Protein backbone atom coordinates (compact mmCIF):
# COMPACT_ATOMS: atom_id res chain seq x y z
CA MET A 1 50.28 41.16 19.26
CA LYS A 2 48.50 38.91 16.63
CA SER A 3 46.37 40.82 13.99
CA ALA A 4 42.76 39.74 13.26
CA GLY A 5 43.51 37.73 10.32
CA GLN A 6 45.98 35.89 11.97
CA LEU A 7 43.56 35.04 15.11
CA LEU A 8 41.26 33.93 12.68
CA ASN A 9 43.72 31.61 10.73
CA TYR A 10 44.84 30.25 14.20
CA TRP A 11 40.93 29.27 15.14
CA SER A 12 40.70 27.54 11.63
CA SER A 13 43.27 25.43 12.36
CA GLU A 14 42.88 24.28 15.96
CA PRO A 15 42.94 20.54 16.32
CA ARG A 16 40.59 20.41 19.25
CA ASP A 17 36.98 18.90 19.25
CA ARG A 18 35.19 22.02 18.46
CA ASP A 19 31.81 20.28 18.07
CA ASN A 20 32.20 19.97 22.19
CA ILE A 21 33.92 22.83 23.45
CA LEU A 22 33.20 25.60 21.04
CA GLY A 23 29.74 26.89 19.76
CA TYR A 24 26.83 24.90 18.82
CA ALA A 25 26.87 22.57 15.69
CA THR A 26 23.49 22.49 14.47
CA SER A 27 21.66 22.07 11.20
CA THR A 28 19.29 25.11 11.14
CA GLY A 29 18.29 25.59 7.90
CA ARG A 30 18.56 29.39 8.29
CA GLU A 31 20.64 32.20 9.26
CA TYR A 32 19.84 34.03 12.78
CA GLU A 33 20.58 37.67 14.20
CA ARG A 34 24.38 38.28 14.14
CA LYS A 35 23.99 38.73 17.73
CA TYR A 36 23.77 34.75 18.51
CA TYR A 37 27.08 33.89 16.83
CA CYS A 38 30.63 33.91 18.56
CA GLY A 39 32.81 36.49 17.35
CA ALA A 40 35.75 33.84 17.24
CA CYS A 41 34.42 30.33 16.21
CA GLU A 42 31.48 32.28 14.61
CA ARG A 43 28.73 29.62 15.72
CA LEU A 44 25.99 29.76 17.78
CA MET A 45 27.42 30.83 21.17
CA ARG A 46 27.76 28.18 23.92
CA ASP A 47 27.65 29.73 27.60
CA PRO A 48 27.98 33.25 26.04
CA VAL A 49 30.21 36.07 27.69
CA GLN A 50 30.43 39.51 26.86
CA THR A 51 33.29 41.98 27.03
CA GLU A 52 33.86 45.28 28.26
CA CYS A 53 33.90 46.38 24.64
CA GLY A 54 30.47 44.82 23.89
CA HIS A 55 31.36 41.88 21.72
CA ARG A 56 30.39 38.24 22.84
CA PHE A 57 32.03 35.11 22.57
CA CYS A 58 31.77 31.67 23.65
CA GLN A 59 33.21 31.09 27.27
CA ARG A 60 35.79 28.50 26.14
CA CYS A 61 36.56 30.69 22.94
CA TYR A 62 36.98 33.50 25.21
CA GLY A 63 39.57 31.63 27.38
CA MET A 64 41.60 30.47 24.31
CA LEU A 65 41.59 34.08 23.05
CA LEU A 66 42.98 35.15 26.32
CA LYS A 67 45.93 32.77 25.99
CA GLU A 68 47.07 33.95 22.64
CA SER A 69 46.32 37.83 22.67
CA MET A 70 44.50 40.48 25.22
CA THR A 71 43.04 42.29 21.95
CA CYS A 72 39.72 41.72 21.06
CA PRO A 73 39.37 40.07 17.67
CA SER A 74 35.99 41.59 16.78
CA CYS A 75 37.51 45.16 17.56
CA LEU A 76 40.22 44.50 15.22
CA LYS A 77 37.95 42.98 12.53
CA GLU A 78 35.97 45.84 12.55
CA ASN A 79 38.69 48.23 13.00
CA GLU A 80 37.15 49.78 15.96
CA ILE A 81 38.76 52.81 17.81
CA VAL A 82 38.33 53.74 21.36
CA GLU A 83 38.81 56.87 22.94
CA ASN A 84 42.33 56.47 24.18
CA GLY A 85 43.21 55.89 20.47
CA SER A 86 43.80 52.07 20.64
CA VAL A 87 41.83 49.08 20.11
CA ALA A 88 39.72 47.41 22.97
CA LEU A 89 41.23 44.65 25.34
CA LEU A 90 39.83 41.58 26.66
CA GLN A 91 40.55 42.54 30.01
CA LYS A 92 37.24 41.92 31.78
CA CYS A 93 33.96 39.85 30.88
CA PHE A 94 30.77 38.61 32.29
CA LYS A 95 28.19 35.91 31.71
CA ASP A 96 25.37 36.82 29.45
CA ARG A 97 22.61 35.07 30.64
CA ALA A 98 19.76 37.04 28.63
CA ILE A 99 21.37 36.14 25.36
CA GLU A 100 22.02 32.53 26.40
CA LYS A 101 18.35 32.14 26.71
CA GLU A 102 17.50 33.37 23.79
CA ILE A 103 20.08 30.98 22.00
CA LEU A 104 18.64 28.10 23.95
CA ASN A 105 15.11 29.08 22.42
CA LEU A 106 16.28 28.99 18.82
CA GLN A 107 14.10 26.33 16.66
CA VAL A 108 17.06 24.19 15.26
CA PHE A 109 17.18 21.00 13.22
CA CYS A 110 19.13 17.93 14.18
CA HIS A 111 22.49 17.58 12.00
CA ASN A 112 22.72 13.80 11.72
CA GLN A 113 21.92 12.59 8.37
CA GLY A 114 18.33 11.19 7.85
CA CYS A 115 16.84 12.61 11.05
CA THR A 116 14.07 14.92 10.66
CA TRP A 117 13.68 16.23 14.55
CA SER A 118 13.44 19.89 15.03
CA GLY A 119 12.57 21.86 18.10
CA PRO A 120 14.41 24.16 20.69
CA LEU A 121 18.27 24.05 20.82
CA ARG A 122 17.98 23.40 24.71
CA GLU A 123 15.90 20.23 23.88
CA LEU A 124 18.46 19.25 21.33
CA GLU A 125 21.45 19.47 24.01
CA GLU A 126 19.60 18.03 26.85
CA LYS A 127 17.43 15.28 25.34
CA HIS A 128 17.76 14.50 21.43
CA ARG A 129 21.48 14.43 21.08
CA THR A 130 21.97 11.33 23.22
CA THR A 131 18.77 9.56 22.20
CA CYS A 132 18.88 10.05 18.39
CA GLU A 133 18.52 6.96 16.66
CA GLN A 134 20.36 8.53 13.31
CA LYS A 135 23.59 9.37 15.67
CA PRO A 136 26.51 7.74 13.82
CA LEU A 137 28.47 5.26 16.01
CA ARG A 138 31.91 3.72 15.32
CA CYS A 139 31.44 -0.04 14.32
CA PRO A 140 32.40 -2.18 17.26
CA PHE A 141 35.02 -3.78 14.84
CA ASN A 142 36.73 -0.63 14.42
CA VAL A 143 39.46 -2.27 16.57
CA VAL A 144 40.34 -4.82 13.89
CA GLY A 145 39.79 -2.16 11.03
CA CYS A 146 36.27 -1.44 10.03
CA THR A 147 35.87 2.34 9.67
CA GLU A 148 32.02 2.37 8.92
CA MET A 149 30.09 4.99 11.11
CA VAL A 150 26.79 3.61 11.44
CA PRO A 151 23.51 5.13 12.85
CA SER A 152 22.66 3.31 16.20
CA HIS A 153 19.57 1.71 15.14
CA LYS A 154 21.34 -0.07 12.25
CA VAL A 155 24.28 -1.34 14.25
CA HIS A 156 22.79 -4.81 14.18
CA GLU A 157 21.95 -4.78 10.75
CA HIS A 158 25.46 -3.64 9.70
CA ASN A 159 26.98 -6.67 11.82
CA GLN A 160 24.64 -8.89 9.70
CA ALA A 161 25.45 -7.29 6.36
CA SER A 162 29.22 -6.87 6.81
CA MET A 163 30.00 -10.13 8.63
CA GLN A 164 32.40 -11.43 5.58
CA GLN A 165 34.30 -8.02 6.02
CA HIS A 166 34.54 -8.35 9.62
CA LEU A 167 35.80 -11.95 9.29
CA TYR A 168 38.42 -10.74 6.80
CA CYS A 169 39.35 -7.79 9.20
CA VAL A 170 40.01 -10.57 11.88
CA LEU A 171 42.05 -12.36 9.81
CA GLN A 172 44.03 -9.42 8.72
CA SER A 173 44.87 -8.40 12.37
CA LEU A 174 45.93 -11.98 13.10
CA GLN A 175 48.04 -11.68 10.43
CA GLY A 176 49.67 -8.59 11.69
CA LEU A 177 49.99 -10.13 14.81
CA VAL A 178 51.82 -12.98 13.47
CA LYS A 179 54.13 -10.76 11.31
CA GLN A 180 54.86 -8.43 14.58
CA ALA A 181 55.81 -11.81 16.48
CA GLY A 182 58.03 -12.54 13.78
CA VAL A 183 56.56 -16.30 13.45
CA SER A 184 55.88 -18.22 10.26
CA SER A 185 51.98 -18.14 9.32
CA GLU A 186 51.95 -21.78 8.86
CA GLY A 187 50.46 -23.96 11.87
CA PRO A 188 48.96 -22.91 15.27
CA VAL A 189 51.08 -19.61 15.09
CA LEU A 190 50.19 -17.87 18.42
CA ALA A 191 49.88 -20.82 20.60
CA GLN A 192 53.23 -22.15 19.00
CA THR A 193 54.73 -18.72 19.62
CA ILE A 194 53.47 -18.26 23.22
CA GLY A 195 54.33 -21.81 23.86
CA ARG A 196 57.61 -21.75 22.77
CA ASP A 197 58.46 -18.91 24.55
CA LYS A 198 57.48 -20.56 27.98
CA GLY A 199 59.05 -23.47 27.39
CA ARG A 200 62.60 -22.08 26.99
CA GLY A 201 63.05 -22.14 30.59
CA PRO A 202 64.73 -19.58 32.88
CA LYS A 203 66.89 -17.12 31.32
CA SER A 204 70.15 -15.73 32.97
CA ASP A 205 69.90 -12.32 33.98
CA GLY A 206 72.12 -10.97 31.11
CA ASP A 207 69.36 -12.78 28.56
CA LYS A 208 66.55 -11.15 29.95
CA GLU A 209 64.43 -9.04 27.79
CA PRO A 210 61.70 -6.94 29.27
CA TRP A 211 60.18 -5.74 26.00
CA ARG A 212 59.88 -9.44 24.89
CA ASP A 213 57.71 -10.03 28.17
CA ARG A 214 55.55 -7.09 27.52
CA ALA A 215 55.29 -8.02 23.86
CA GLU A 216 54.01 -11.57 25.00
CA GLU A 217 51.43 -9.93 27.23
CA GLU A 218 50.31 -7.71 24.66
CA LEU A 219 49.87 -10.57 22.38
CA LYS A 220 47.74 -12.63 25.17
CA VAL A 221 45.57 -9.59 25.41
CA LYS A 222 44.91 -9.29 21.60
CA VAL A 223 44.68 -12.93 21.13
CA GLN A 224 42.06 -12.93 23.80
CA THR A 225 40.08 -10.02 22.33
CA PHE A 226 40.35 -11.57 18.90
CA GLU A 227 38.73 -15.11 20.42
CA ASN A 228 35.96 -13.03 21.83
CA ILE A 229 35.34 -11.56 18.48
CA VAL A 230 35.47 -14.65 16.78
CA THR A 231 32.97 -16.18 19.15
CA VAL A 232 30.59 -13.29 18.87
CA LEU A 233 30.56 -13.91 15.00
CA ASN A 234 30.19 -17.41 15.44
CA ARG A 235 27.24 -16.62 17.80
CA GLU A 236 25.81 -14.28 15.06
CA VAL A 237 26.09 -16.93 12.05
CA GLY A 238 24.35 -19.38 14.03
CA GLU A 239 21.56 -16.88 14.92
CA THR A 240 21.50 -15.81 11.23
CA LEU A 241 21.26 -19.41 10.46
CA ASN A 242 18.63 -20.25 12.92
CA ALA A 243 16.55 -17.12 11.92
CA VAL A 244 16.72 -18.24 8.09
CA LEU A 245 15.65 -21.59 8.81
CA ALA A 246 12.68 -20.59 10.99
CA GLN A 247 11.68 -18.15 8.07
CA GLU A 248 11.87 -21.02 5.54
CA ARG A 249 9.33 -23.25 7.84
CA SER A 250 7.19 -20.01 8.22
CA LEU A 251 7.42 -19.71 4.65
CA LYS A 252 6.33 -23.29 3.93
CA GLU A 253 3.69 -23.11 6.58
CA GLN A 254 2.32 -19.92 4.76
CA GLU A 255 2.45 -21.39 1.27
CA ALA A 256 0.26 -24.34 2.67
CA VAL A 257 -2.01 -22.00 4.48
CA THR A 258 -2.42 -19.93 1.17
CA ALA A 259 -2.94 -23.26 -0.80
CA GLN A 260 -5.95 -24.13 1.50
CA LEU A 261 -7.35 -20.55 1.10
CA LYS A 262 -6.93 -20.85 -2.43
CA SER A 263 -8.88 -24.10 -2.69
CA LYS A 264 -11.56 -22.46 -0.52
CA ILE A 265 -11.79 -19.43 -2.63
CA ARG A 266 -12.61 -21.53 -5.21
CA GLN A 267 -15.21 -23.53 -3.66
CA HIS A 268 -16.83 -20.20 -2.49
CA GLU A 269 -16.86 -18.97 -6.15
CA LYS A 270 -18.55 -22.17 -7.32
CA ALA A 271 -21.18 -21.85 -4.52
CA ASN A 272 -21.70 -18.29 -5.33
CA CYS A 273 -22.25 -19.11 -9.02
CA LEU A 274 -24.78 -21.75 -7.89
CA LYS A 275 -26.31 -19.15 -5.86
CA ASP A 276 -26.37 -16.35 -8.51
CA LEU A 277 -28.13 -19.02 -10.69
CA VAL A 278 -30.73 -19.76 -8.37
CA ILE A 279 -31.25 -16.05 -7.64
CA ALA A 280 -31.74 -15.56 -11.27
CA ASP A 281 -34.44 -18.45 -11.48
CA LEU A 282 -36.24 -17.00 -8.47
CA GLN A 283 -36.39 -13.61 -9.93
CA LEU A 284 -37.82 -15.04 -13.28
CA ARG A 285 -40.23 -16.74 -11.27
CA LEU A 286 -41.22 -13.46 -9.29
CA GLU A 287 -41.52 -11.53 -12.27
CA THR A 288 -43.66 -14.00 -13.83
CA LEU A 289 -45.63 -14.38 -10.71
CA GLU A 290 -45.98 -10.38 -10.81
CA HIS A 291 -47.42 -10.53 -14.18
CA THR A 292 -49.58 -13.78 -14.03
CA SER A 293 -53.27 -13.26 -14.15
CA TYR A 294 -55.98 -15.74 -12.71
CA ASN A 295 -59.29 -14.08 -14.18
CA GLY A 296 -58.97 -15.06 -17.66
CA THR A 297 -57.63 -11.67 -18.62
CA LEU A 298 -53.98 -10.86 -19.59
CA VAL A 299 -52.84 -7.42 -20.81
CA TRP A 300 -49.33 -8.11 -22.58
CA PRO A 301 -47.02 -5.28 -23.14
CA ILE A 302 -44.47 -5.74 -25.66
CA PRO A 303 -41.26 -3.55 -25.13
CA ASP A 304 -38.60 -2.76 -27.67
CA PHE A 305 -41.16 -3.42 -30.62
CA SER A 306 -39.26 -2.16 -33.67
CA ARG A 307 -36.11 -4.45 -32.85
CA LYS A 308 -38.34 -7.50 -32.27
CA MET A 309 -40.23 -6.72 -35.62
CA GLN A 310 -36.96 -6.53 -37.52
CA ASP A 311 -35.63 -9.72 -35.88
CA ALA A 312 -38.95 -11.38 -37.07
CA ILE A 313 -38.58 -9.99 -40.56
CA ASP A 314 -34.75 -11.14 -40.54
CA GLY A 315 -35.92 -14.73 -39.46
CA ARG A 316 -33.84 -14.41 -36.25
CA VAL A 317 -36.58 -14.75 -33.65
CA PRO A 318 -40.00 -15.45 -35.73
CA SER A 319 -42.31 -15.67 -32.63
CA ILE A 320 -42.54 -14.53 -29.29
CA PHE A 321 -44.35 -16.04 -26.22
CA SER A 322 -46.38 -13.87 -23.46
CA PRO A 323 -46.20 -14.72 -19.77
CA PRO A 324 -48.69 -17.51 -18.85
CA PHE A 325 -52.06 -16.75 -17.35
CA PHE A 326 -54.92 -18.78 -15.79
CA THR A 327 -58.56 -18.55 -16.18
CA SER A 328 -58.82 -19.11 -12.35
CA TYR A 329 -56.48 -20.60 -9.54
CA SER A 330 -57.55 -23.71 -10.68
CA GLY A 331 -58.47 -23.20 -14.15
CA TYR A 332 -56.39 -23.52 -17.46
CA LYS A 333 -53.09 -22.50 -18.03
CA LEU A 334 -52.62 -20.36 -21.46
CA CYS A 335 -50.14 -17.95 -22.87
CA LEU A 336 -50.23 -16.15 -26.26
CA ARG A 337 -47.68 -16.89 -29.46
CA LEU A 338 -47.28 -13.85 -31.73
CA TYR A 339 -45.66 -13.90 -35.14
CA LEU A 340 -44.66 -10.47 -35.97
CA ASN A 341 -44.01 -10.97 -39.76
CA GLY A 342 -46.92 -13.48 -39.97
CA ASP A 343 -47.18 -17.04 -40.02
CA GLY A 344 -49.05 -19.66 -42.30
CA VAL A 345 -51.50 -17.96 -44.59
CA GLY A 346 -50.34 -14.58 -43.04
CA ALA A 347 -46.88 -14.97 -43.42
CA ASN A 348 -44.92 -11.71 -44.51
CA THR A 349 -48.51 -9.62 -44.93
CA HIS A 350 -49.93 -10.05 -41.11
CA LEU A 351 -49.62 -10.13 -37.60
CA SER A 352 -50.35 -13.45 -36.56
CA LEU A 353 -51.83 -14.11 -32.94
CA PHE A 354 -52.40 -17.60 -31.33
CA LEU A 355 -53.59 -18.94 -28.20
CA VAL A 356 -51.56 -21.74 -26.51
CA ILE A 357 -52.69 -24.46 -24.25
CA MET A 358 -50.18 -25.32 -21.60
CA LYS A 359 -49.58 -28.18 -19.37
CA GLY A 360 -51.11 -27.26 -16.03
CA LYS A 361 -51.13 -28.48 -12.48
CA CYS A 362 -55.24 -28.85 -12.28
CA ASP A 363 -55.40 -30.29 -15.70
CA ALA A 364 -57.11 -33.47 -14.29
CA ILE A 365 -60.05 -31.75 -12.99
CA SER A 366 -60.72 -29.38 -15.82
CA GLU A 367 -63.02 -30.14 -18.59
CA TRP A 368 -61.69 -31.12 -21.86
CA PRO A 369 -61.61 -30.40 -24.84
CA PHE A 370 -61.12 -26.47 -23.92
CA SER A 371 -64.15 -24.66 -25.35
CA LYS A 372 -64.36 -21.24 -24.05
CA LYS A 373 -64.50 -18.29 -26.48
CA VAL A 374 -61.46 -16.30 -26.88
CA THR A 375 -60.98 -12.30 -27.65
CA PHE A 376 -57.84 -10.74 -29.05
CA LYS A 377 -57.71 -6.86 -28.73
CA LEU A 378 -54.78 -4.93 -30.11
CA LEU A 379 -55.04 -1.70 -27.97
CA ASP A 380 -54.95 1.68 -29.76
CA GLN A 381 -53.02 4.00 -27.70
CA SER A 382 -53.92 7.03 -29.23
CA GLU A 383 -56.96 9.48 -28.17
CA ARG A 384 -59.22 7.54 -30.87
CA ARG A 385 -59.03 4.38 -28.83
CA GLN A 386 -59.77 2.38 -32.29
CA HIS A 387 -58.64 -1.12 -30.98
CA VAL A 388 -58.32 -4.05 -33.33
CA VAL A 389 -60.80 -6.80 -32.11
CA SER A 390 -60.94 -10.62 -33.30
CA ALA A 391 -62.55 -13.30 -31.25
CA PHE A 392 -62.60 -17.00 -31.97
CA LYS A 393 -64.73 -20.26 -30.81
CA PRO A 394 -62.25 -23.28 -30.24
CA ASP A 395 -62.66 -26.10 -32.76
CA VAL A 396 -63.41 -29.11 -30.14
CA ASN A 397 -62.07 -31.44 -32.64
CA SER A 398 -58.57 -29.80 -32.99
CA ALA A 399 -55.79 -31.60 -30.98
CA SER A 400 -54.76 -27.65 -29.88
CA PHE A 401 -57.34 -27.71 -27.41
CA ARG A 402 -57.26 -31.07 -26.17
CA LYS A 403 -55.95 -31.86 -22.82
CA PRO A 404 -51.91 -31.40 -23.15
CA THR A 405 -49.50 -34.17 -23.05
CA GLN A 406 -46.58 -31.91 -23.58
CA PRO A 407 -45.62 -28.61 -22.04
CA MET A 408 -47.28 -26.90 -24.82
CA ASN A 409 -50.01 -27.86 -27.49
CA VAL A 410 -49.90 -26.43 -31.13
CA ALA A 411 -51.04 -22.88 -31.09
CA SER A 412 -54.21 -22.04 -32.82
CA GLY A 413 -55.81 -18.58 -33.30
CA CYS A 414 -55.73 -15.93 -35.84
CA PRO A 415 -53.10 -16.04 -38.42
CA GLU A 416 -54.30 -12.68 -40.23
CA PHE A 417 -55.16 -10.77 -37.09
CA LEU A 418 -53.73 -7.27 -38.61
CA THR A 419 -52.12 -6.79 -41.79
CA LEU A 420 -48.73 -4.98 -41.61
CA ALA A 421 -49.77 -2.19 -43.89
CA GLN A 422 -52.56 -1.37 -41.41
CA LEU A 423 -49.81 -1.60 -38.84
CA ARG A 424 -47.48 0.76 -40.42
CA ALA A 425 -50.31 3.22 -41.42
CA ASN A 426 -51.29 3.45 -37.76
CA TRP A 427 -48.09 2.97 -36.23
CA ARG A 428 -48.06 5.84 -33.61
CA GLY A 429 -51.36 4.61 -32.48
CA PHE A 430 -50.43 0.92 -32.00
CA VAL A 431 -46.83 1.45 -30.95
CA ALA A 432 -45.98 4.24 -28.59
CA ASP A 433 -42.49 4.60 -26.99
CA GLU A 434 -41.56 1.50 -28.46
CA VAL A 435 -44.30 -0.65 -26.66
CA MET A 436 -47.38 -2.63 -28.06
CA PHE A 437 -50.22 -3.74 -25.94
CA ILE A 438 -52.22 -6.92 -26.72
CA LYS A 439 -55.10 -8.06 -24.44
CA VAL A 440 -56.77 -11.48 -24.31
CA ILE A 441 -60.13 -12.23 -22.79
CA VAL A 442 -61.14 -15.83 -22.13
CA GLU A 443 -64.91 -16.16 -21.05
CA PRO A 444 -65.35 -17.53 -17.83
């Protein structure tokens, strides 16, 4: 009778395919209760049986144990003693259906590398094991020496990538056949060998060599196999070449389409730039219309006044213009021109405010020269409301008030409208929140 240690050593050295006949080989990522493991192969039990002594084994493991010993290895391992003073024997057993159901319901993972499937062991055995895309298969060219194990969904990819290696294996195998036949590697080897043997004519009974006939038949079979392999390789090479040519044609077509699309994009970009300019012009016109007056009165807000004042002092922007306004819908077109640091006799000492006659659409029916009284007001925004007012009557002999022939006539008005000292003294009244207001009134 063998000891427990001897039985375990025997089990680990068994040459049989344990993945198919012994316990389940799975990648569980965890350990289960000991009751689910076989006492012999130490895997999850396949078709579990229970002995009289209460230990469980795979059915195949139990059968092989009976061939070697009648003693329960689990009892030996645990040094378990029965009532009669001897270890328990493997005399009787029964199928343990309850533990089998529990094992088949265990959550396991597929052991194929790269596969992320998980689920009950039952589903793994019944469905997934045969359909797993990561299941490793032998390369179809293993008959000529390729030893790669390839996932089932990558067999075609492997054949394409290893075509040169496969051809080399075929060549090596053919050379091996040549050496086996004892023929020189020069010339049409196999055909010469077979043809020469056939052309020798009938031999006498004493000259017959049955082993040579068998070798010839084997050579014929192998030659046919290699011819089939070469045919397959040639077909795959042709398909690969056609696929490459098709991809090149497709790439050229895509490049042409891409060039057309780029050209269209450039055209659209130009069109969008033009539209942006039109939109900007329309927005400017809309803002002008919103601030346009047709009753001869204009209230002109001047925002960001401090910066504009500094620009005038530095000489960057000496003067600014107001939006245009009209005396009526068919009247004169006018605007104001303000020199923040003065102009003429008021340079560097005064605010200079002028009226500008602009060229309008109704000038042909208007009376010339322009002779209406003009009143300027610098509005005081404080509670005192002490506005600065200045009025003048146009000089009818001045070119500034004649019918304009240019977009604007020369500005005319009050070069000494307000001293800069007065402006600084009452800055908070005239400039509130960086905004100054000037009002102009042209009599009807």
